[in-house]
Structures are given as structure tokens and as C-alpha cells.
Amino acid sequence: MKAVCLLSGGLDSATCLAYARKIGYECYALSFDYGQRHQIELEAARRLAEVLGAAAHRVARIDLRVFGHSALTSDIDVPKNRDEGQMNADIPITYVPARNTIFLSFALAWAEVLEASDIFIGVNALDYSGYPDCRPEFIEAFEKMANLATRVGVDGVTRVKIHTPLISLSKADIVQFGRKLDVPFQLTWSCYDPDAAGMPCGACDSCLLRAKGFREAGIADPALS
């Protein structure tokens, strides 16, 4: 069985890829160079794809800076030192407009070429409830659209399935799950705003949620050792 797995280089996507491999899929990892300020994650994705045994790894280059309106693709400060209430109060400025819709569309195209009916994405609705494209209802709607928009879906050759194994897990749950899957946490990257030396800032939402996940899981983060 073939599957396309979206791989950002982060903890969630690495765990998702490891899970897909564990349950028997031949995985084709897909990453994106979309103009993000934290492009260091692409090197993490490359290493993870190799270590976790992806059959192939491709990087699609699309420049979402042309639209901007996100702290990840524009000259906008990344929020720092926010508590969970602030993170979940509204859609954060780190949200990239329509990003998961775009990413899943590319994954769908590659899946059709590969004659694969399965796509894995490590979205999580608990820690990022402010992100509209991480919700179960979005995934369900995209899956329905995928089966209306592809030749294989219309011809009834296969039915596209979007897998979201982490969607209802807390960050601590994901850390524990990843450990059981032998995910090389030390190779993953989570920071939105690394410093000039390529070190994580430790204060953006992504860094704080990662730290919280490892802390609540009772596991030391090997990326910090």
C-alpha cells in the first residue's frame, strides 16, 4: 500500500510518518518550501524521511509570501511567551492562510500520480484549536472534495482517504505515541522563529507547546540535550 505523508520536519508530522510506516504503508514524504521563516525545518524533514524509511521525499516549492498575512511568511513578529488561553483565544497570526488546503491539494495530486488512495497529515485539533484547517470537519470536507475532484475518484477506481491519527491527541499523548514508534525526537524541529545561529527561540507558541508536551509526558526532549 502506498501513501503520501505530509512531513514538515516537526514532532507531529514525524510521528504521523512513523505510524504510517508501522502499519505497513510504503510512504512518500512531501514537504514544502513555502517561504516560511523557519526553513531550517526542511533539513529536519530530509533527515526524518531518510531515517524513518520513506520510499521517496520531495519538496514542493510554492511562495506563499506573495499573499503574506502571517508571521511565518511576512515581516510580522512571531508572538512570544503566550499562555494557553491566549494561544486558543482566536486564530493566531502564525496561521498561514489556507496552508493545509494547499498542502493537501499537492498531496492529492501526487497520490493520484502514484495511484495511492491514502494521505497522512499530522494535524492536531487540541493544541491548535485556533487553526481552522486542523479541525475534523475540515478534513472530512476535503476528503469528500478529493473524491469528487480526481479521476480515480470519479471513475470509482479507488477512494481517497485522509488519515489524521493525531487529531484528538494532546501534545503529551503525541510524545508518548512517538516514543513507542521510536521517532528520533532529536531530529525534529518545532520553532517558528529560530535565532541567527539556528537555535530554537524557546518562547514561540510552537516551542512552548513542545516543551509542555515533553514535560507532561515525563520525557526529556533530546533535541535540547
C-alpha atoms as a PDB file:
ATOM      1  CA  MET A   1       0.000   0.000   0.000  1.00  0.00           C
ATOM      2  CA  LYS A   2       1.270   3.434  -0.932  1.00  0.00           C
ATOM      3  CA  ALA A   3       0.570   6.626   0.996  1.00  0.00           C
ATOM      4  CA  VAL A   4       1.581  10.252   0.723  1.00  0.00           C
ATOM      5  CA  CYS A   5       2.657  11.648   4.090  1.00  0.00           C
ATOM      6  CA  LEU A   6       2.940  15.371   4.692  1.00  0.00           C
ATOM      7  CA  LEU A   7       6.234  15.954   6.505  1.00  0.00           C
ATOM      8  CA  SER A   8       7.099  19.369   7.907  1.00  0.00           C
ATOM      9  CA  GLY A   9      10.044  18.201   9.993  1.00  0.00           C
ATOM     10  CA  GLY A  10       8.136  18.733  13.228  1.00  0.00           C
ATOM     11  CA  LEU A  11       7.201  16.374  16.026  1.00  0.00           C
ATOM     12  CA  ASP A  12       3.647  15.723  14.849  1.00  0.00           C
ATOM     13  CA  SER A  13       4.404  15.011  11.207  1.00  0.00           C
ATOM     14  CA  ALA A  14       7.351  12.776  12.118  1.00  0.00           C
ATOM     15  CA  THR A  15       5.123  10.747  14.444  1.00  0.00           C
ATOM     16  CA  CYS A  16       2.480  10.528  11.735  1.00  0.00           C
ATOM     17  CA  LEU A  17       5.018   9.230   9.198  1.00  0.00           C
ATOM     18  CA  ALA A  18       6.376   6.701  11.700  1.00  0.00           C
ATOM     19  CA  TYR A  19       2.844   5.486  12.379  1.00  0.00           C
ATOM     20  CA  ALA A  20       2.043   5.081   8.683  1.00  0.00           C
ATOM     21  CA  ARG A  21       5.224   3.062   8.218  1.00  0.00           C
ATOM     22  CA  LYS A  22       4.436   0.974  11.306  1.00  0.00           C
ATOM     23  CA  ILE A  23       1.045  -0.108   9.987  1.00  0.00           C
ATOM     24  CA  GLY A  24       2.501  -1.189   6.677  1.00  0.00           C
ATOM     25  CA  TYR A  25       2.367   1.720   4.236  1.00  0.00           C
ATOM     26  CA  GLU A  26       5.038   2.485   1.666  1.00  0.00           C
ATOM     27  CA  CYS A  27       5.348   6.179   2.418  1.00  0.00           C
ATOM     28  CA  TYR A  28       6.084   9.035   0.053  1.00  0.00           C
ATOM     29  CA  ALA A  29       7.014  12.059   2.141  1.00  0.00           C
ATOM     30  CA  LEU A  30       6.055  15.520   0.916  1.00  0.00           C
ATOM     31  CA  SER A  31       7.446  18.757   2.353  1.00  0.00           C
ATOM     32  CA  PHE A  32       7.010  22.386   1.331  1.00  0.00           C
ATOM     33  CA  ASP A  33       9.335  25.306   0.864  1.00  0.00           C
ATOM     34  CA  TYR A  34       6.637  27.951   1.022  1.00  0.00           C
ATOM     35  CA  GLY A  35       8.669  30.972   2.051  1.00  0.00           C
ATOM     36  CA  GLN A  36       8.494  30.185   5.760  1.00  0.00           C
ATOM     37  CA  ARG A  37      10.932  31.992   8.019  1.00  0.00           C
ATOM     38  CA  HIS A  38      11.819  28.699   9.735  1.00  0.00           C
ATOM     39  CA  GLN A  39      13.200  26.948   6.654  1.00  0.00           C
ATOM     40  CA  ILE A  40      15.522  25.005   8.917  1.00  0.00           C
ATOM     41  CA  GLU A  41      12.587  22.597   9.276  1.00  0.00           C
ATOM     42  CA  LEU A  42      13.205  21.394   5.718  1.00  0.00           C
ATOM     43  CA  GLU A  43      16.574  19.941   6.696  1.00  0.00           C
ATOM     44  CA  ALA A  44      14.846  18.209   9.604  1.00  0.00           C
ATOM     45  CA  ALA A  45      12.272  16.799   7.170  1.00  0.00           C
ATOM     46  CA  ARG A  46      15.010  15.498   4.892  1.00  0.00           C
ATOM     47  CA  ARG A  47      16.743  13.657   7.723  1.00  0.00           C
ATOM     48  CA  LEU A  48      13.486  12.279   9.111  1.00  0.00           C
ATOM     49  CA  ALA A  49      12.371  10.972   5.729  1.00  0.00           C
ATOM     50  CA  GLU A  50      15.633   9.057   5.440  1.00  0.00           C
ATOM     51  CA  VAL A  51      15.712   7.703   8.993  1.00  0.00           C
ATOM     52  CA  LEU A  52      12.029   6.755   9.055  1.00  0.00           C
ATOM     53  CA  GLY A  53      12.300   4.869   5.782  1.00  0.00           C
ATOM     54  CA  ALA A  54      10.264   6.938   3.336  1.00  0.00           C
ATOM     55  CA  ALA A  55      10.273   5.465  -0.161  1.00  0.00           C
ATOM     56  CA  ALA A  56      10.826   8.957  -1.542  1.00  0.00           C
ATOM     57  CA  HIS A  57      10.908  12.529  -0.281  1.00  0.00           C
ATOM     58  CA  ARG A  58      10.012  15.549  -2.360  1.00  0.00           C
ATOM     59  CA  VAL A  59       9.989  19.245  -1.544  1.00  0.00           C
ATOM     60  CA  ALA A  60       7.382  21.322  -3.385  1.00  0.00           C
ATOM     61  CA  ARG A  61       8.339  24.963  -3.774  1.00  0.00           C
ATOM     62  CA  ILE A  62       5.470  27.430  -3.552  1.00  0.00           C
ATOM     63  CA  ASP A  63       5.911  31.013  -2.403  1.00  0.00           C
ATOM     64  CA  LEU A  64       3.107  31.946  -0.015  1.00  0.00           C
ATOM     65  CA  ARG A  65       4.921  35.190   0.748  1.00  0.00           C
ATOM     66  CA  VAL A  66       3.105  36.660  -2.240  1.00  0.00           C
ATOM     67  CA  PHE A  67      -0.012  36.675  -0.050  1.00  0.00           C
ATOM     68  CA  GLY A  68       1.637  37.209   3.330  1.00  0.00           C
ATOM     69  CA  HIS A  69      -0.679  37.970   6.260  1.00  0.00           C
ATOM     70  CA  SER A  70       1.117  35.525   8.528  1.00  0.00           C
ATOM     71  CA  ALA A  71       4.018  35.868  10.945  1.00  0.00           C
ATOM     72  CA  LEU A  72       5.569  32.856   9.204  1.00  0.00           C
ATOM     73  CA  THR A  73       5.604  34.393   5.724  1.00  0.00           C
ATOM     74  CA  SER A  74       5.672  38.156   6.352  1.00  0.00           C
ATOM     75  CA  ASP A  75       7.677  40.710   8.304  1.00  0.00           C
ATOM     76  CA  ILE A  76       5.419  40.315  11.327  1.00  0.00           C
ATOM     77  CA  ASP A  77       6.692  39.487  14.800  1.00  0.00           C
ATOM     78  CA  VAL A  78       6.074  35.924  15.978  1.00  0.00           C
ATOM     79  CA  PRO A  79       4.115  36.042  19.263  1.00  0.00           C
ATOM     80  CA  LYS A  80       6.195  35.018  22.277  1.00  0.00           C
ATOM     81  CA  ASN A  81       5.565  33.836  25.838  1.00  0.00           C
ATOM     82  CA  ARG A  82       1.806  33.431  25.471  1.00  0.00           C
ATOM     83  CA  ASP A  83      -0.196  31.238  27.822  1.00  0.00           C
ATOM     84  CA  GLU A  84      -2.605  28.577  26.546  1.00  0.00           C
ATOM     85  CA  GLY A  85      -5.595  30.847  26.952  1.00  0.00           C
ATOM     86  CA  GLN A  86      -4.007  33.431  24.672  1.00  0.00           C
ATOM     87  CA  MET A  87      -2.988  30.781  22.145  1.00  0.00           C
ATOM     88  CA  ASN A  88      -6.531  29.469  21.836  1.00  0.00           C
ATOM     89  CA  ALA A  89      -8.434  32.752  22.117  1.00  0.00           C
ATOM     90  CA  ASP A  90      -8.578  33.365  18.378  1.00  0.00           C
ATOM     91  CA  ILE A  91      -6.894  32.446  15.111  1.00  0.00           C
ATOM     92  CA  PRO A  92      -3.206  33.272  15.727  1.00  0.00           C
ATOM     93  CA  ILE A  93      -1.068  35.421  13.451  1.00  0.00           C
ATOM     94  CA  THR A  94       1.107  32.335  12.821  1.00  0.00           C
ATOM     95  CA  TYR A  95      -1.786  30.836  10.848  1.00  0.00           C
ATOM     96  CA  VAL A  96      -0.847  30.760   7.160  1.00  0.00           C
ATOM     97  CA  PRO A  97      -3.988  31.367   5.068  1.00  0.00           C
ATOM     98  CA  ALA A  98      -5.293  28.128   3.524  1.00  0.00           C
ATOM     99  CA  ARG A  99      -1.974  26.352   4.131  1.00  0.00           C
ATOM    100  CA  ASN A 100      -3.324  22.872   4.855  1.00  0.00           C
ATOM    101  CA  THR A 101      -5.791  23.168   1.983  1.00  0.00           C
ATOM    102  CA  ILE A 102      -2.885  23.933  -0.336  1.00  0.00           C
ATOM    103  CA  PHE A 103      -0.673  21.212   1.130  1.00  0.00           C
ATOM    104  CA  LEU A 104      -3.377  18.571   0.916  1.00  0.00           C
ATOM    105  CA  SER A 105      -4.090  19.557  -2.682  1.00  0.00           C
ATOM    106  CA  PHE A 106      -0.460  18.910  -3.601  1.00  0.00           C
ATOM    107  CA  ALA A 107      -0.548  15.626  -1.676  1.00  0.00           C
ATOM    108  CA  LEU A 108      -3.699  14.655  -3.543  1.00  0.00           C
ATOM    109  CA  ALA A 109      -2.021  15.329  -6.884  1.00  0.00           C
ATOM    110  CA  TRP A 110       0.984  13.185  -6.010  1.00  0.00           C
ATOM    111  CA  ALA A 111      -1.244  10.437  -4.612  1.00  0.00           C
ATOM    112  CA  GLU A 112      -3.146  10.314  -7.901  1.00  0.00           C
ATOM    113  CA  VAL A 113       0.101  10.005  -9.859  1.00  0.00           C
ATOM    114  CA  LEU A 114       1.296   7.257  -7.505  1.00  0.00           C
ATOM    115  CA  GLU A 115      -2.092   5.509  -7.698  1.00  0.00           C
ATOM    116  CA  ALA A 116      -2.237   5.791  -3.909  1.00  0.00           C
ATOM    117  CA  SER A 117      -5.523   6.196  -2.094  1.00  0.00           C
ATOM    118  CA  ASP A 118      -4.161   7.239   1.294  1.00  0.00           C
ATOM    119  CA  ILE A 119      -2.826  10.559   2.593  1.00  0.00           C
ATOM    120  CA  PHE A 120      -1.491  11.099   6.114  1.00  0.00           C
ATOM    121  CA  ILE A 121      -1.358  14.501   7.809  1.00  0.00           C
ATOM    122  CA  GLY A 122      -0.351  15.187  11.405  1.00  0.00           C
ATOM    123  CA  VAL A 123      -2.953  17.821  12.227  1.00  0.00           C
ATOM    124  CA  ASN A 124      -3.950  18.192  15.852  1.00  0.00           C
ATOM    125  CA  ALA A 125      -7.156  19.877  16.967  1.00  0.00           C
ATOM    126  CA  LEU A 126      -6.343  20.143  20.673  1.00  0.00           C
ATOM    127  CA  ASP A 127      -3.182  22.206  20.886  1.00  0.00           C
ATOM    128  CA  TYR A 128      -4.027  24.408  17.910  1.00  0.00           C
ATOM    129  CA  SER A 129      -7.764  24.833  18.172  1.00  0.00           C
ATOM    130  CA  GLY A 130      -7.335  28.314  16.729  1.00  0.00           C
ATOM    131  CA  TYR A 131      -6.240  26.892  13.365  1.00  0.00           C
ATOM    132  CA  PRO A 132      -9.346  26.358  11.208  1.00  0.00           C
ATOM    133  CA  ASP A 133      -7.577  23.907   8.894  1.00  0.00           C
ATOM    134  CA  CYS A 134      -6.751  21.480  11.726  1.00  0.00           C
ATOM    135  CA  ARG A 135     -10.372  20.668  12.582  1.00  0.00           C
ATOM    136  CA  PRO A 136     -12.014  17.294  11.876  1.00  0.00           C
ATOM    137  CA  GLU A 137     -14.792  18.946   9.873  1.00  0.00           C
ATOM    138  CA  PHE A 138     -12.222  20.490   7.528  1.00  0.00           C
ATOM    139  CA  ILE A 139     -10.548  17.125   6.950  1.00  0.00           C
ATOM    140  CA  GLU A 140     -13.910  15.460   6.297  1.00  0.00           C
ATOM    141  CA  ALA A 141     -14.857  18.164   3.797  1.00  0.00           C
ATOM    142  CA  PHE A 142     -11.512  17.941   1.995  1.00  0.00           C
ATOM    143  CA  GLU A 143     -11.788  14.162   1.736  1.00  0.00           C
ATOM    144  CA  LYS A 144     -15.236  14.492   0.200  1.00  0.00           C
ATOM    145  CA  MET A 145     -13.926  17.065  -2.262  1.00  0.00           C
ATOM    146  CA  ALA A 146     -10.926  14.866  -3.115  1.00  0.00           C
ATOM    147  CA  ASN A 147     -13.204  12.070  -4.223  1.00  0.00           C
ATOM    148  CA  LEU A 148     -15.163  14.460  -6.446  1.00  0.00           C
ATOM    149  CA  ALA A 149     -12.126  16.177  -7.955  1.00  0.00           C
ATOM    150  CA  THR A 150      -9.879  13.324  -9.069  1.00  0.00           C
ATOM    151  CA  ARG A 151     -10.088  10.967 -11.992  1.00  0.00           C
ATOM    152  CA  VAL A 152      -9.663   7.902  -9.800  1.00  0.00           C
ATOM    153  CA  GLY A 153     -12.445   9.087  -7.520  1.00  0.00           C
ATOM    154  CA  VAL A 154     -14.883   9.843 -10.313  1.00  0.00           C
ATOM    155  CA  ASP A 155     -14.073   6.607 -12.143  1.00  0.00           C
ATOM    156  CA  GLY A 156     -14.569   4.652  -8.936  1.00  0.00           C
ATOM    157  CA  VAL A 157     -11.092   3.143  -9.200  1.00  0.00           C
ATOM    158  CA  THR A 158     -10.324   3.954  -5.590  1.00  0.00           C
ATOM    159  CA  ARG A 159     -11.499   6.159  -2.749  1.00  0.00           C
ATOM    160  CA  VAL A 160      -9.135   8.738  -1.281  1.00  0.00           C
ATOM    161  CA  LYS A 161      -8.785   8.593   2.492  1.00  0.00           C
ATOM    162  CA  ILE A 162      -7.235  11.378   4.591  1.00  0.00           C
ATOM    163  CA  HIS A 163      -5.714   9.858   7.737  1.00  0.00           C
ATOM    164  CA  THR A 164      -5.342  12.038  10.837  1.00  0.00           C
ATOM    165  CA  PRO A 165      -4.099   9.686  13.577  1.00  0.00           C
ATOM    166  CA  LEU A 166      -3.095  12.519  15.922  1.00  0.00           C
ATOM    167  CA  ILE A 167      -6.101  14.781  15.603  1.00  0.00           C
ATOM    168  CA  SER A 168      -7.594  14.056  19.031  1.00  0.00           C
ATOM    169  CA  LEU A 169      -4.328  13.627  20.952  1.00  0.00           C
ATOM    170  CA  SER A 170      -2.732  16.106  23.334  1.00  0.00           C
ATOM    171  CA  LYS A 171       0.886  17.066  22.749  1.00  0.00           C
ATOM    172  CA  ALA A 172       1.897  14.817  25.665  1.00  0.00           C
ATOM    173  CA  ASP A 173      -0.034  11.940  24.072  1.00  0.00           C
ATOM    174  CA  ILE A 174       1.811  12.544  20.802  1.00  0.00           C
ATOM    175  CA  VAL A 175       5.185  12.485  22.573  1.00  0.00           C
ATOM    176  CA  GLN A 176       4.325   9.190  24.257  1.00  0.00           C
ATOM    177  CA  PHE A 177       2.978   7.766  20.992  1.00  0.00           C
ATOM    178  CA  GLY A 178       6.102   8.895  19.151  1.00  0.00           C
ATOM    179  CA  ARG A 179       8.348   7.248  21.714  1.00  0.00           C
ATOM    180  CA  LYS A 180       6.538   3.921  21.226  1.00  0.00           C
ATOM    181  CA  LEU A 181       7.147   4.315  17.489  1.00  0.00           C
ATOM    182  CA  ASP A 182      10.854   5.088  18.042  1.00  0.00           C
ATOM    183  CA  VAL A 183      10.569   8.540  16.492  1.00  0.00           C
ATOM    184  CA  PRO A 184      14.003  10.226  16.594  1.00  0.00           C
ATOM    185  CA  PHE A 185      12.806  13.286  18.502  1.00  0.00           C
ATOM    186  CA  GLN A 186      16.298  14.796  18.352  1.00  0.00           C
ATOM    187  CA  LEU A 187      15.901  15.222  14.588  1.00  0.00           C
ATOM    188  CA  THR A 188      12.563  17.047  14.763  1.00  0.00           C
ATOM    189  CA  TRP A 189      12.167  20.811  14.621  1.00  0.00           C
ATOM    190  CA  SER A 190       9.347  22.864  16.119  1.00  0.00           C
ATOM    191  CA  CYS A 191      10.434  26.510  16.464  1.00  0.00           C
ATOM    192  CA  TYR A 192       8.785  29.237  14.373  1.00  0.00           C
ATOM    193  CA  ASP A 193      11.464  31.843  14.993  1.00  0.00           C
ATOM    194  CA  PRO A 194      14.990  30.413  15.281  1.00  0.00           C
ATOM    195  CA  ASP A 195      17.873  32.746  16.063  1.00  0.00           C
ATOM    196  CA  ALA A 196      20.745  33.569  13.741  1.00  0.00           C
ATOM    197  CA  ALA A 197      22.661  30.536  14.995  1.00  0.00           C
ATOM    198  CA  GLY A 198      19.765  28.232  14.116  1.00  0.00           C
ATOM    199  CA  MET A 199      18.709  27.596  17.700  1.00  0.00           C
ATOM    200  CA  PRO A 200      15.038  27.430  18.787  1.00  0.00           C
ATOM    201  CA  CYS A 201      13.742  30.570  20.457  1.00  0.00           C
ATOM    202  CA  GLY A 202      12.049  28.670  23.277  1.00  0.00           C
ATOM    203  CA  ALA A 203       9.274  31.247  23.529  1.00  0.00           C
ATOM    204  CA  CYS A 204       7.023  30.972  20.457  1.00  0.00           C
ATOM    205  CA  ASP A 205       3.760  29.020  20.674  1.00  0.00           C
ATOM    206  CA  SER A 206       5.302  26.016  18.943  1.00  0.00           C
ATOM    207  CA  CYS A 207       8.300  25.884  21.296  1.00  0.00           C
ATOM    208  CA  LEU A 208       6.094  26.289  24.369  1.00  0.00           C
ATOM    209  CA  LEU A 209       3.649  23.573  23.303  1.00  0.00           C
ATOM    210  CA  ARG A 210       6.502  21.207  22.523  1.00  0.00           C
ATOM    211  CA  ALA A 211       8.053  21.845  25.946  1.00  0.00           C
ATOM    212  CA  LYS A 212       4.670  21.316  27.613  1.00  0.00           C
ATOM    213  CA  GLY A 213       4.183  18.054  25.756  1.00  0.00           C
ATOM    214  CA  PHE A 214       7.510  16.590  26.806  1.00  0.00           C
ATOM    215  CA  ARG A 215       7.092  17.873  30.361  1.00  0.00           C
ATOM    216  CA  GLU A 216       3.622  16.355  30.777  1.00  0.00           C
ATOM    217  CA  ALA A 217       4.788  13.109  29.157  1.00  0.00           C
ATOM    218  CA  GLY A 218       7.615  12.920  31.685  1.00  0.00           C
ATOM    219  CA  ILE A 219      10.215  12.645  28.948  1.00  0.00           C
ATOM    220  CA  ALA A 220      13.268  14.828  28.396  1.00  0.00           C
ATOM    221  CA  ASP A 221      13.365  16.478  24.989  1.00  0.00           C
ATOM    222  CA  PRO A 222      16.506  15.047  23.332  1.00  0.00           C
ATOM    223  CA  ALA A 223      16.617  17.980  20.917  1.00  0.00           C
ATOM    224  CA  LEU A 224      17.628  20.191  23.844  1.00  0.00           C
ATOM    225  CA  SER A 225      20.347  17.928  25.223  1.00  0.00           C
END
